[in-house]
Structures are given as C-alpha cells and as structure tokens.
Amino acid sequence: MSASGNASDVTSKSSLSQTLNSDTPFLKIKLYVVVVVAICILLVSIIVCVCIFWKRKMRVKHSSSLIPLVSKEIVEIKEVGRTDNLGKVEGKIGFGDLLKMGEIEVIKGIEEEKEKNKSGESDVGGSGSSNVSMADTQNIGWGRWYSLKELEFATRVFADENVIGEGGYGVVYKGFLQDGSVVAVKKLLNNKGQAEKEFEVEVEAIGKVKHKNLVGLIGCCADGPQRMLVYEYVDNGNLEQWLHGDVGPVSPLTWDIRMKIAVGTAKGLAYLHEGLEPKVVHRDVKSSNILLDKKWNPKVSDFGLAKLLGSETSYVATRVMGTFGYVSPEYASTGMLNEGSDVYSFGILFMEILTGRSPVDYSRPPGEMNLVEWFKGMVASRRGEEILDPLIEVQPSPRALKRALLVCLRCIDLDANKRPKMGQIVHMLEADEFPFRPEIRVSREKDTLPPQGVSNKVPHPITHGTGSNLERSRRR
C-alpha cells in the first residue's frame, strides 16, 4: 500500500510539473510564468490600493479643502461660541467644523461626507488651518460669517411675523440664534449691483467700527446670491415711531430724553467723521435710522448708503441717494458728498426732535408743509416757544431752548463751509454756558460802568497844560 501511495504522489507531482511547464496558447509562454506574473500584478494592485486609501485618509486629516463649502467666499472663520463638551481646539476651524459640531443645521450632503470621513473628522481644522494666511483671518476678525441655513433657522425661514423693519434696500428680521442671542438680520434685495455694492460697503465701513452710539455689525452672510447682514438687536424701536406714532396725550420723550437722543446721535456721527480714517459719511441720517434701547440711548443704524472718504476729499455721487427732506441742497443739486451733508441731515433730524413734525408733511397748511421754511420763519418772528412739540409736558428753560434753536440754524446753513463739525455740535449741546449775543452786550456794558463810590469826575492834566500854554500865548 505504501509503495502504491508513493507512486501516486510521484505521478501527481510529475503531472503538475508537466502542466506548469506546458506552453500556453498565448505566445507559447510557460504556464508557471503566467502564474507568477498574475501573482505579481495582484500584489502590486493591493499595494497601490492601500497607498491610495492611506493618502486619502491623511488628506482628510491634514486639510480642510475637501470639506464641502456652502459658499466659495467662506474659507475659514474663527471659533465662535464653543461649548465645553466639544473640547478645546486652538486657532481657527473650518466652516465644515461648525456644521459637524451642531452649531448650525446640517444639510444632507455634509451628513454623508461626515459618515465617509468619521475616522479623520476629529483632526479637521488642526494643521489644515495653518495653510490659511493670517491676513485672511483678520479680514473677519470683527465678527463671523453665517450660513443661509443658520439664518433661516434663526428667522423661521424669514417669516413675515419676524419683520421689524423694511426699506428700499432690504427687509430687517428679528432672529434667535441657537446660543439664545437675539439679532437683527437685514436681508438685502437681490437686484443686481445695488445689493452687492451695499453689502461690500457695509462690511468694509462698519465691520470693525465699535461705538456705544452705533449699531454694531456682528456678522454677515454671502451664500450664493444672498447678501445678509447680522446686527445687534436694539429692543425699543426707532425714533420715528416715538415721534410720530400714537403715544397718547403726553409723549414719553421728555425734553431731557430728546436732548439725550440728540447728543448721542451727534456723538455717533462725530465718531464716523472724526474718529475713523478714512472717514465715513452716513448719507442717510433720519429718524427711522436712530434706534433706541430701554434707557433711551440712541444708536445710529443703516450704513447701507455709507461712503468711505479719504481725508480732505469730497465724493461726487453718480446717483443722489438718501431720504427726501433730509438731503442737503448741495448734495441734491451737485452730488458733492462730504461730512457737511450729514451735518445738514442732523440739523433736520434735530428740528424733528424739537417740533415733533416730519421734514415734509403735505397734510399741514401750505406755509407749514416744509419744516425748514416754517422753522426759520418762526425763529425770525421770535416765536421760538411755539416751535416745541405740544406733547412735551414740561417746557425747557429759555436758555436751553435758544441753544437748541441756534444749533439747528447753524446745521442747516446753506453755505456748507459755515456749518459746524459734528464734534463742535456735541460741545455746543453739552456746554453748560453758551455765549449768546444779548448776554455778551450786557456783560460789556457792565464792564464799562464805573464802580460805586467813585467820582464821575476825571482829572484832565492835558487840559491844564493846554490852558497854561494859552495864557503864555496871550501874554506874548
């Protein structure tokens, strides 16, 4: 049995060797050569596949370029509002990280991408963020970019009940972010050119501007054609509502509150004109753009018409933009724009605050339709007390009223070069003593009067000298 078994093994081995040594139909190549080549090709394929898989894995770990972006304009943003359970990540994080961390609503495509890259997602935004230059990061250092999905969630898909304001350039919605903060989302109109230009101007002009009397811009959105600005929310309406709305027989805006609003507005504009380089001209100063908080602190809003100006320059606008009744005469006629245009608009606004009247009101008699002409006529006829809003319960002192009237008249001077700067207006409104001409004349008269107890007779030594000379001449 053992001999027969050995014989069968030898026979099988010889048949296997014969098979391997046999020629194949393809180019008469030995079979064993074909087998070896096939095995080598299989090994090389396996190695190539492993290398490709490893490279893809490392690319996900060390680069954020594979994360799908909602907008090409959004490259990276700084880490905002991270909670403790998300761990600490130094530096910057990519926009995809915010989606991953649940700070905004996740869309389906990014969900699938996250499932594919589970093994490498924890490292995204680490070393990859170092590839972005520091200059790109500083450009958004004043705030953050929001996605369209996040703002839709905050405003309930821009529901009508969330509208808190509307103008020629966009609609403002009240929004609630996921961190609980309340914001005002200004959705710019999608008409070509205007919306994009306004967006660029606002972001450049007020992105880094911080002042207690200016509404702060805390973020923006540029998803595709959408252009939106995210402002801090001011919770007490605007000045126009309180001046011209139904507030009852007595206005809650007392004289002191109105002066507080005027001074705060002047300080905000003075900062734009004199505290920034290049200076910023608002170009649409009006009562509806003055927001008020619960303590009646004013905040100047809506910089959509703002223009950046270099020092000692005037900008010639191709199209006069502003609100009828507030635009300065030289700007309306020639298009020349500088900070004097804002001073004129502030003068109209200050008149509106004092009188409670709109700049142009066609419901009034012919002589009272235009606020400026009626105001000048009342002051010229010495009827300044009749100018005040009848809803003001406690009248101001004559001195305070004269100060306010004089500031108004100086702001609306037809000669733009004679108008005061906004910083000077702040000093005029805050000054305890204001030099009026009648008081100056009285003080001069008092200085010329002699003190009591002193004789009115004045010695005339020259007269005596001249008298002796006359006697001498007579003797001669």
Protein backbone atom coordinates (compact mmCIF):
# COMPACT_ATOMS: atom_id res chain seq x y z
CA MET A 1 0.00 0.00 0.00
CA SER A 2 2.79 2.36 0.84
CA ALA A 3 4.50 1.67 -2.44
CA SER A 4 1.32 2.37 -4.40
CA GLY A 5 0.78 5.65 -2.43
CA ASN A 6 4.27 6.85 -3.15
CA ALA A 7 3.80 6.03 -6.79
CA SER A 8 0.60 8.11 -6.94
CA ASP A 9 2.33 11.12 -5.30
CA VAL A 10 5.17 10.95 -7.75
CA THR A 11 2.69 10.71 -10.60
CA SER A 12 0.72 13.81 -9.37
CA LYS A 13 3.87 15.87 -8.91
CA SER A 14 5.12 14.96 -12.32
CA SER A 15 1.74 15.82 -13.86
CA LEU A 16 1.72 19.23 -12.01
CA SER A 17 5.24 20.00 -13.20
CA GLN A 18 4.35 18.99 -16.67
CA THR A 19 1.28 21.24 -16.54
CA LEU A 20 3.28 24.23 -15.27
CA ASN A 21 5.95 23.63 -17.88
CA SER A 22 3.43 23.29 -20.65
CA ASP A 23 3.13 26.05 -23.21
CA THR A 24 0.11 28.36 -23.17
CA PRO A 25 -1.73 29.32 -26.34
CA PHE A 26 -0.67 32.97 -25.81
CA LEU A 27 2.79 33.44 -27.35
CA LYS A 28 3.80 29.92 -26.24
CA ILE A 29 4.65 31.25 -22.73
CA LYS A 30 5.11 28.68 -20.00
CA LEU A 31 2.16 28.41 -17.61
CA TYR A 32 4.24 28.96 -14.50
CA VAL A 33 5.46 32.27 -15.93
CA VAL A 34 1.87 33.40 -16.43
CA VAL A 35 1.02 32.38 -12.85
CA VAL A 36 3.98 34.30 -11.40
CA VAL A 37 3.13 37.40 -13.43
CA ALA A 38 -0.50 37.25 -12.31
CA ILE A 39 0.53 36.96 -8.66
CA CYS A 40 2.88 39.95 -9.02
CA ILE A 41 0.17 42.02 -10.67
CA LEU A 42 -2.24 41.17 -7.83
CA LEU A 43 0.30 42.16 -5.18
CA VAL A 44 1.08 45.43 -6.93
CA SER A 45 -2.64 46.22 -7.20
CA ILE A 46 -3.14 45.58 -3.50
CA ILE A 47 -0.20 47.85 -2.61
CA VAL A 48 -1.48 50.63 -4.89
CA CYS A 49 -4.95 50.44 -3.38
CA VAL A 50 -3.55 50.61 0.15
CA CYS A 51 -1.42 53.64 -0.75
CA ILE A 52 -4.35 55.47 -2.35
CA PHE A 53 -6.56 54.78 0.66
CA TRP A 54 -3.83 55.97 3.05
CA LYS A 55 -3.25 59.19 1.08
CA ARG A 56 -6.95 59.97 1.10
CA LYS A 57 -7.10 59.36 4.81
CA MET A 58 -4.13 61.62 5.51
CA ARG A 59 -5.57 64.32 3.24
CA VAL A 60 -8.79 64.35 5.25
CA LYS A 61 -6.80 64.57 8.45
CA HIS A 62 -4.49 67.37 7.41
CA SER A 63 -6.51 69.52 5.03
CA SER A 64 -9.89 71.22 5.16
CA SER A 65 -10.07 71.64 1.38
CA LEU A 66 -12.21 68.53 0.95
CA ILE A 67 -14.98 69.79 3.20
CA PRO A 68 -17.84 71.00 1.02
CA LEU A 69 -18.39 74.74 1.49
CA VAL A 70 -21.74 76.41 1.31
CA SER A 71 -20.11 79.45 -0.31
CA LYS A 72 -16.78 79.87 -2.07
CA GLU A 73 -16.36 83.22 -0.32
CA ILE A 74 -16.29 81.49 3.04
CA VAL A 75 -12.88 79.90 3.58
CA GLU A 76 -12.48 79.81 7.31
CA ILE A 77 -13.95 81.50 10.33
CA LYS A 78 -12.78 81.84 13.86
CA GLU A 79 -14.07 79.61 16.56
CA VAL A 80 -17.26 81.13 17.99
CA GLY A 81 -19.39 80.01 20.90
CA ARG A 82 -17.77 76.63 21.51
CA THR A 83 -19.24 74.64 24.38
CA ASP A 84 -17.15 72.74 26.88
CA ASN A 85 -18.18 69.28 25.73
CA LEU A 86 -16.75 69.90 22.27
CA GLY A 87 -13.19 70.04 23.56
CA LYS A 88 -10.67 72.81 23.07
CA VAL A 89 -9.32 73.50 19.61
CA GLU A 90 -6.65 76.15 19.22
CA GLY A 91 -6.63 78.67 16.42
CA LYS A 92 -9.21 78.57 13.62
CA ILE A 93 -11.71 75.98 12.50
CA GLY A 94 -13.21 75.40 9.08
CA PHE A 95 -16.79 76.08 8.12
CA GLY A 96 -17.40 72.34 7.91
CA ASP A 97 -16.41 72.01 11.55
CA LEU A 98 -19.28 74.27 12.58
CA LEU A 99 -21.66 72.02 10.71
CA LYS A 100 -20.11 68.98 12.35
CA MET A 101 -20.32 70.48 15.83
CA GLY A 102 -24.01 71.18 15.56
CA GLU A 103 -23.79 74.97 15.74
CA ILE A 104 -25.97 75.18 12.64
CA GLU A 105 -28.41 72.91 10.92
CA VAL A 106 -26.66 70.13 8.96
CA ILE A 107 -27.55 69.58 5.37
CA LYS A 108 -27.75 66.13 3.78
CA GLY A 109 -24.64 66.31 1.65
CA ILE A 110 -22.42 67.18 4.58
CA GLU A 111 -24.02 64.43 6.64
CA GLU A 112 -22.91 61.92 4.00
CA GLU A 113 -19.43 63.42 3.91
CA LYS A 114 -19.17 63.10 7.66
CA GLU A 115 -20.17 59.43 7.52
CA LYS A 116 -17.46 58.77 4.96
CA ASN A 117 -14.76 60.53 6.93
CA LYS A 118 -15.56 59.52 10.52
CA SER A 119 -12.04 58.35 11.13
CA GLY A 120 -10.47 61.67 10.19
CA GLU A 121 -13.03 64.29 11.19
CA SER A 122 -11.68 64.85 14.67
CA ASP A 123 -8.48 66.30 13.25
CA VAL A 124 -10.09 68.62 10.69
CA GLY A 125 -9.18 72.28 11.19
CA GLY A 126 -5.99 71.46 13.09
CA SER A 127 -2.94 71.63 10.90
CA GLY A 128 -5.00 72.43 7.81
CA SER A 129 -5.92 75.81 9.19
CA SER A 130 -2.28 76.77 9.21
CA ASN A 131 -2.36 76.87 5.41
CA VAL A 132 -4.62 79.93 5.51
CA SER A 133 -2.81 83.22 5.77
CA MET A 134 -3.18 85.44 8.80
CA ALA A 135 -4.40 88.27 6.58
CA ASP A 136 -7.43 86.25 5.51
CA THR A 137 -8.23 85.55 9.13
CA GLN A 138 -8.02 89.21 10.18
CA ASN A 139 -10.45 90.26 7.49
CA ILE A 140 -13.26 88.71 9.53
CA GLY A 141 -11.84 89.43 12.95
CA TRP A 142 -14.71 91.85 13.72
CA GLY A 143 -17.39 89.14 13.57
CA ARG A 144 -18.26 85.91 11.84
CA TRP A 145 -19.84 84.53 8.72
CA TYR A 146 -23.26 82.90 8.94
CA SER A 147 -24.69 80.35 6.55
CA LEU A 148 -28.04 80.74 4.88
CA LYS A 149 -29.32 77.67 6.74
CA GLU A 150 -28.38 79.17 10.09
CA LEU A 151 -30.14 82.46 9.41
CA GLU A 152 -33.18 80.69 8.02
CA PHE A 153 -33.37 78.73 11.26
CA ALA A 154 -32.97 81.94 13.31
CA THR A 155 -35.73 83.83 11.45
CA ARG A 156 -38.07 80.86 10.85
CA VAL A 157 -37.28 80.94 7.15
CA PHE A 158 -37.73 84.73 7.09
CA ALA A 159 -41.30 84.61 8.31
CA ASP A 160 -43.46 87.72 7.92
CA GLU A 161 -44.19 87.87 11.64
CA ASN A 162 -40.46 88.35 12.27
CA VAL A 163 -40.24 91.51 10.13
CA ILE A 164 -39.25 94.52 12.26
CA GLY A 165 -38.32 96.97 9.52
CA GLU A 166 -38.40 97.49 5.79
CA GLY A 167 -36.75 99.94 3.44
CA GLY A 168 -35.71 100.47 -0.14
CA TYR A 169 -32.65 98.28 0.19
CA GLY A 170 -33.85 95.37 2.26
CA VAL A 171 -36.02 93.90 4.97
CA VAL A 172 -34.96 93.50 8.60
CA TYR A 173 -35.99 90.40 10.53
CA LYS A 174 -35.76 89.57 14.20
CA GLY A 175 -33.79 86.38 14.70
CA PHE A 176 -32.95 83.98 17.51
CA LEU A 177 -29.62 82.19 17.21
CA GLN A 178 -29.01 78.75 18.64
CA ASP A 179 -26.98 80.20 21.52
CA GLY A 180 -30.07 82.15 22.62
CA SER A 181 -28.92 85.59 21.49
CA VAL A 182 -31.33 87.91 19.66
CA VAL A 183 -30.15 89.58 16.45
CA ALA A 184 -31.49 91.73 13.64
CA VAL A 185 -30.96 90.18 10.21
CA LYS A 186 -31.02 92.62 7.30
CA LYS A 187 -31.78 90.75 4.07
CA LEU A 188 -30.60 92.89 1.18
CA LEU A 189 -32.55 92.97 -2.04
CA ASN A 190 -31.22 90.75 -4.81
CA ASN A 191 -31.31 93.37 -7.54
CA LYS A 192 -28.03 93.27 -9.42
CA GLY A 193 -25.31 95.71 -8.47
CA GLN A 194 -27.03 97.57 -5.66
CA ALA A 195 -27.30 94.72 -3.19
CA GLU A 196 -23.76 93.54 -3.74
CA LYS A 197 -22.30 97.05 -3.58
CA GLU A 198 -24.27 97.85 -0.46
CA PHE A 199 -23.10 94.63 1.12
CA GLU A 200 -19.44 95.38 0.39
CA VAL A 201 -19.78 98.96 1.64
CA GLU A 202 -21.43 97.98 4.90
CA VAL A 203 -18.97 95.21 5.65
CA GLU A 204 -15.98 97.43 4.94
CA ALA A 205 -17.37 100.53 6.65
CA ILE A 206 -18.77 99.25 9.92
CA GLY A 207 -17.39 95.75 10.35
CA LYS A 208 -14.69 96.98 12.72
CA VAL A 209 -16.45 100.13 13.97
CA LYS A 210 -17.39 99.90 17.64
CA HIS A 211 -19.11 102.78 19.42
CA LYS A 212 -21.87 102.91 22.01
CA ASN A 213 -23.99 105.12 19.74
CA LEU A 214 -23.58 102.99 16.60
CA VAL A 215 -25.41 99.74 15.93
CA GLY A 216 -22.79 97.01 15.86
CA LEU A 217 -22.43 94.62 12.92
CA ILE A 218 -21.76 91.15 14.34
CA GLY A 219 -21.80 89.06 11.18
CA CYS A 220 -22.89 88.61 7.60
CA CYS A 221 -23.90 86.01 5.05
CA ALA A 222 -22.87 85.59 1.41
CA ASP A 223 -24.36 82.30 0.29
CA GLY A 224 -24.59 82.45 -3.47
CA PRO A 225 -26.72 85.45 -4.48
CA GLN A 226 -27.88 86.05 -0.91
CA ARG A 227 -26.48 89.09 0.91
CA MET A 228 -27.41 89.48 4.56
CA LEU A 229 -26.08 91.49 7.48
CA VAL A 230 -26.46 90.48 11.12
CA TYR A 231 -26.70 93.37 13.60
CA GLU A 232 -27.10 93.58 17.33
CA TYR A 233 -30.77 93.82 18.28
CA VAL A 234 -31.98 97.10 19.82
CA ASP A 235 -35.21 96.46 21.67
CA ASN A 236 -37.10 99.78 21.89
CA GLY A 237 -37.98 100.67 18.32
CA ASN A 238 -36.76 103.71 16.43
CA LEU A 239 -37.09 107.43 16.94
CA GLU A 240 -39.62 107.88 14.14
CA GLN A 241 -42.10 105.59 15.90
CA TRP A 242 -41.85 107.53 19.15
CA LEU A 243 -42.07 110.96 17.48
CA HIS A 244 -44.89 110.32 15.02
CA GLY A 245 -46.66 107.28 16.43
CA ASP A 246 -49.70 107.19 18.71
CA VAL A 247 -48.11 107.77 22.14
CA GLY A 248 -51.07 109.41 23.87
CA PRO A 249 -51.66 112.99 25.04
CA VAL A 250 -48.19 113.21 26.62
CA SER A 251 -45.09 111.95 24.88
CA PRO A 252 -42.72 109.75 26.89
CA LEU A 253 -39.93 111.67 25.15
CA THR A 254 -39.38 114.47 27.63
CA TRP A 255 -37.12 117.41 26.85
CA ASP A 256 -34.19 115.79 28.66
CA ILE A 257 -34.70 112.50 26.82
CA ARG A 258 -34.84 114.30 23.47
CA MET A 259 -31.63 116.14 24.22
CA LYS A 260 -30.04 112.84 25.28
CA ILE A 261 -31.03 111.32 21.94
CA ALA A 262 -29.69 114.33 20.02
CA VAL A 263 -26.36 114.33 21.85
CA GLY A 264 -25.89 110.57 21.47
CA THR A 265 -26.67 110.73 17.75
CA ALA A 266 -24.21 113.59 17.32
CA LYS A 267 -21.52 111.60 19.12
CA GLY A 268 -22.06 108.60 16.88
CA LEU A 269 -21.79 110.72 13.73
CA ALA A 270 -18.79 112.58 15.12
CA TYR A 271 -17.02 109.26 15.59
CA LEU A 272 -17.72 108.32 11.97
CA HIS A 273 -16.46 111.68 10.71
CA GLU A 274 -13.54 112.37 13.03
CA GLY A 275 -12.65 109.14 14.81
CA LEU A 276 -12.02 106.95 11.76
CA GLU A 277 -9.54 107.06 8.91
CA PRO A 278 -10.78 107.08 6.25
CA LYS A 279 -13.82 108.96 7.47
CA VAL A 280 -17.29 107.51 7.00
CA VAL A 281 -20.24 109.55 5.70
CA HIS A 282 -23.57 108.01 6.65
CA ARG A 283 -25.58 109.80 3.93
CA ASP A 284 -28.98 108.70 5.23
CA VAL A 285 -29.37 110.29 8.68
CA LYS A 286 -33.08 110.23 9.58
CA SER A 287 -35.34 109.42 12.50
CA SER A 288 -36.11 105.86 11.38
CA ASN A 289 -32.37 105.09 11.43
CA ILE A 290 -31.99 106.12 15.08
CA LEU A 291 -32.69 103.05 17.21
CA LEU A 292 -33.43 103.34 20.93
CA ASP A 293 -32.86 100.97 23.82
CA LYS A 294 -34.88 100.74 27.02
CA LYS A 295 -32.87 103.58 28.58
CA TRP A 296 -33.41 105.84 25.55
CA ASN A 297 -29.81 105.57 24.43
CA PRO A 298 -29.66 106.20 20.67
CA LYS A 299 -27.81 104.00 18.19
CA VAL A 300 -27.29 105.11 14.60
CA SER A 301 -28.14 102.30 12.19
CA ASP A 302 -28.34 101.50 8.47
CA PHE A 303 -24.99 102.19 6.93
CA GLY A 304 -26.13 100.84 3.57
CA LEU A 305 -25.62 104.24 1.96
CA ALA A 306 -22.31 104.97 3.67
CA LYS A 307 -19.28 106.02 1.64
CA LEU A 308 -15.67 105.87 2.72
CA LEU A 309 -13.84 109.14 2.11
CA GLY A 310 -10.20 109.97 2.27
CA SER A 311 -9.02 112.99 4.24
CA GLU A 312 -9.85 116.39 2.75
CA THR A 313 -11.84 114.93 -0.12
CA SER A 314 -15.36 115.19 -1.42
CA TYR A 315 -17.06 112.36 -3.22
CA VAL A 316 -19.15 113.03 -6.32
CA ALA A 317 -22.01 110.54 -6.35
CA THR A 318 -23.33 109.30 -9.66
CA ARG A 319 -26.82 108.98 -8.17
CA VAL A 320 -28.17 111.00 -5.25
CA MET A 321 -29.16 108.58 -2.55
CA GLY A 322 -30.90 109.45 0.68
CA THR A 323 -34.32 110.30 2.05
CA PHE A 324 -36.43 113.17 0.77
CA GLY A 325 -36.49 116.03 3.25
CA TYR A 326 -33.14 115.19 4.84
CA VAL A 327 -30.81 115.62 1.84
CA SER A 328 -28.64 118.76 1.84
CA PRO A 329 -29.18 121.25 -1.01
CA GLU A 330 -25.63 121.00 -2.40
CA TYR A 331 -25.78 117.21 -2.42
CA ALA A 332 -29.13 117.17 -4.18
CA SER A 333 -28.05 119.68 -6.82
CA THR A 334 -24.39 118.88 -7.46
CA GLY A 335 -23.87 115.42 -5.99
CA MET A 336 -20.95 116.65 -3.87
CA LEU A 337 -20.76 114.50 -0.77
CA ASN A 338 -18.84 115.14 2.42
CA GLU A 339 -19.49 115.19 6.14
CA GLY A 340 -21.31 118.52 5.74
CA SER A 341 -24.15 116.57 4.15
CA ASP A 342 -24.57 114.57 7.35
CA VAL A 343 -24.46 117.79 9.40
CA TYR A 344 -27.37 119.21 7.38
CA SER A 345 -29.33 115.97 7.80
CA PHE A 346 -28.64 116.06 11.54
CA GLY A 347 -30.00 119.62 11.66
CA ILE A 348 -33.25 118.43 10.06
CA LEU A 349 -33.34 115.50 12.48
CA PHE A 350 -32.81 117.85 15.45
CA MET A 351 -35.68 120.05 14.24
CA GLU A 352 -37.83 116.93 14.04
CA ILE A 353 -36.90 116.05 17.61
CA LEU A 354 -37.79 119.53 18.89
CA THR A 355 -41.00 120.03 16.95
CA GLY A 356 -42.37 116.51 16.58
CA ARG A 357 -43.01 117.31 12.91
CA SER A 358 -41.89 115.42 9.81
CA PRO A 359 -39.45 117.16 7.41
CA VAL A 360 -42.17 117.25 4.77
CA ASP A 361 -45.84 116.93 5.73
CA TYR A 362 -48.43 117.56 3.00
CA SER A 363 -51.29 117.26 5.48
CA ARG A 364 -50.39 120.66 7.02
CA PRO A 365 -51.26 124.13 5.70
CA PRO A 366 -49.22 125.43 2.75
CA GLY A 367 -46.92 127.53 4.90
CA GLU A 368 -46.12 124.63 7.21
CA MET A 369 -45.52 121.75 4.79
CA ASN A 370 -41.76 122.27 4.66
CA LEU A 371 -40.23 122.01 8.13
CA VAL A 372 -37.14 124.10 7.34
CA GLU A 373 -39.04 127.09 5.92
CA TRP A 374 -41.61 127.05 8.73
CA PHE A 375 -38.88 126.71 11.36
CA LYS A 376 -36.87 129.65 10.01
CA GLY A 377 -39.98 131.80 9.83
CA MET A 378 -40.95 131.06 13.42
CA VAL A 379 -37.48 131.88 14.71
CA ALA A 380 -37.30 135.09 12.67
CA SER A 381 -40.63 136.25 14.11
CA ARG A 382 -39.40 135.50 17.66
CA ARG A 383 -41.95 132.74 18.22
CA GLY A 384 -39.44 130.08 19.20
CA GLU A 385 -41.55 128.85 22.13
CA GLU A 386 -44.32 127.86 19.71
CA ILE A 387 -41.95 125.57 17.83
CA LEU A 388 -41.82 122.91 20.55
CA ASP A 389 -43.73 119.66 20.25
CA PRO A 390 -47.06 120.19 22.08
CA LEU A 391 -46.75 116.66 23.52
CA ILE A 392 -43.82 117.79 25.70
CA GLU A 393 -45.35 118.25 29.13
CA VAL A 394 -42.53 120.13 30.90
CA GLN A 395 -41.14 123.03 28.88
CA PRO A 396 -37.37 123.66 28.81
CA SER A 397 -35.74 126.83 30.10
CA PRO A 398 -35.47 129.73 27.63
CA ARG A 399 -31.71 129.37 27.67
CA ALA A 400 -31.81 125.67 26.73
CA LEU A 401 -34.35 126.36 24.00
CA LYS A 402 -32.23 129.15 22.50
CA ARG A 403 -29.23 126.83 22.46
CA ALA A 404 -31.17 124.14 20.62
CA LEU A 405 -32.62 126.60 18.08
CA LEU A 406 -29.19 128.07 17.35
CA VAL A 407 -27.68 124.62 16.77
CA CYS A 408 -30.46 123.79 14.31
CA LEU A 409 -29.95 127.01 12.36
CA ARG A 410 -26.19 126.55 12.15
CA CYS A 411 -26.53 122.97 10.92
CA ILE A 412 -28.84 123.92 8.03
CA ASP A 413 -26.74 126.84 6.83
CA LEU A 414 -26.90 126.96 3.03
CA ASP A 415 -23.13 127.51 2.97
CA ALA A 416 -21.71 124.09 3.74
CA ASN A 417 -18.38 125.60 4.82
CA LYS A 418 -20.10 127.56 7.61
CA ARG A 419 -21.74 124.52 9.15
CA PRO A 420 -20.09 123.25 12.33
CA LYS A 421 -18.39 119.87 12.57
CA MET A 422 -20.21 117.13 14.44
CA GLY A 423 -17.66 117.32 17.24
CA GLN A 424 -18.40 121.02 17.64
CA ILE A 425 -22.11 120.27 17.73
CA VAL A 426 -21.54 117.85 20.61
CA HIS A 427 -19.71 120.56 22.56
CA MET A 428 -22.45 123.11 21.82
CA LEU A 429 -25.18 120.76 23.06
CA GLU A 430 -23.29 119.70 26.17
CA ALA A 431 -21.96 123.13 27.17
CA ASP A 432 -23.27 124.49 30.47
CA GLU A 433 -22.90 128.05 29.27
CA PHE A 434 -23.47 129.12 25.72
CA PRO A 435 -22.44 132.63 24.57
CA PHE A 436 -25.45 134.47 23.20
CA ARG A 437 -25.12 137.95 21.76
CA PRO A 438 -27.51 139.72 24.21
CA GLU A 439 -25.58 138.38 27.18
CA ILE A 440 -22.28 139.47 25.65
CA ARG A 441 -23.61 143.01 25.18
CA VAL A 442 -24.88 143.19 28.76
CA SER A 443 -21.54 141.98 30.10
CA ARG A 444 -19.71 144.64 28.06
CA GLU A 445 -21.99 147.38 29.38
CA LYS A 446 -21.34 146.23 32.93
CA ASP A 447 -17.60 146.38 32.33
CA THR A 448 -17.79 149.98 31.08
CA LEU A 449 -19.79 151.25 34.09
CA PRO A 450 -17.61 152.83 36.86
CA PRO A 451 -17.63 151.20 40.29
CA GLN A 452 -19.85 152.64 43.01
CA GLY A 453 -18.39 155.25 45.37
CA VAL A 454 -16.01 156.62 42.78
CA SER A 455 -16.49 160.14 41.48
CA ASN A 456 -17.51 160.53 37.90
CA LYS A 457 -15.11 163.47 37.56
CA VAL A 458 -11.97 162.57 35.72
CA PRO A 459 -8.83 164.71 36.10
CA HIS A 460 -7.67 166.37 32.90
CA PRO A 461 -3.95 167.01 33.16
CA ILE A 462 -3.74 167.68 29.48
CA THR A 463 -6.38 170.39 29.76
CA HIS A 464 -4.34 172.23 32.37
CA GLY A 465 -1.29 172.05 30.20
CA THR A 466 -3.10 173.44 27.26
CA GLY A 467 -4.61 176.25 29.39
CA SER A 468 -1.18 177.47 30.59
CA ASN A 469 0.04 177.47 27.06
CA LEU A 470 -2.88 179.65 26.04
CA GLU A 471 -2.08 182.16 28.83
CA ARG A 472 1.55 182.27 27.70
CA SER A 473 0.47 182.93 24.15
CA ARG A 474 -1.81 185.75 25.29
CA ARG A 475 1.00 187.39 27.29
CA ARG A 476 3.15 187.23 24.23
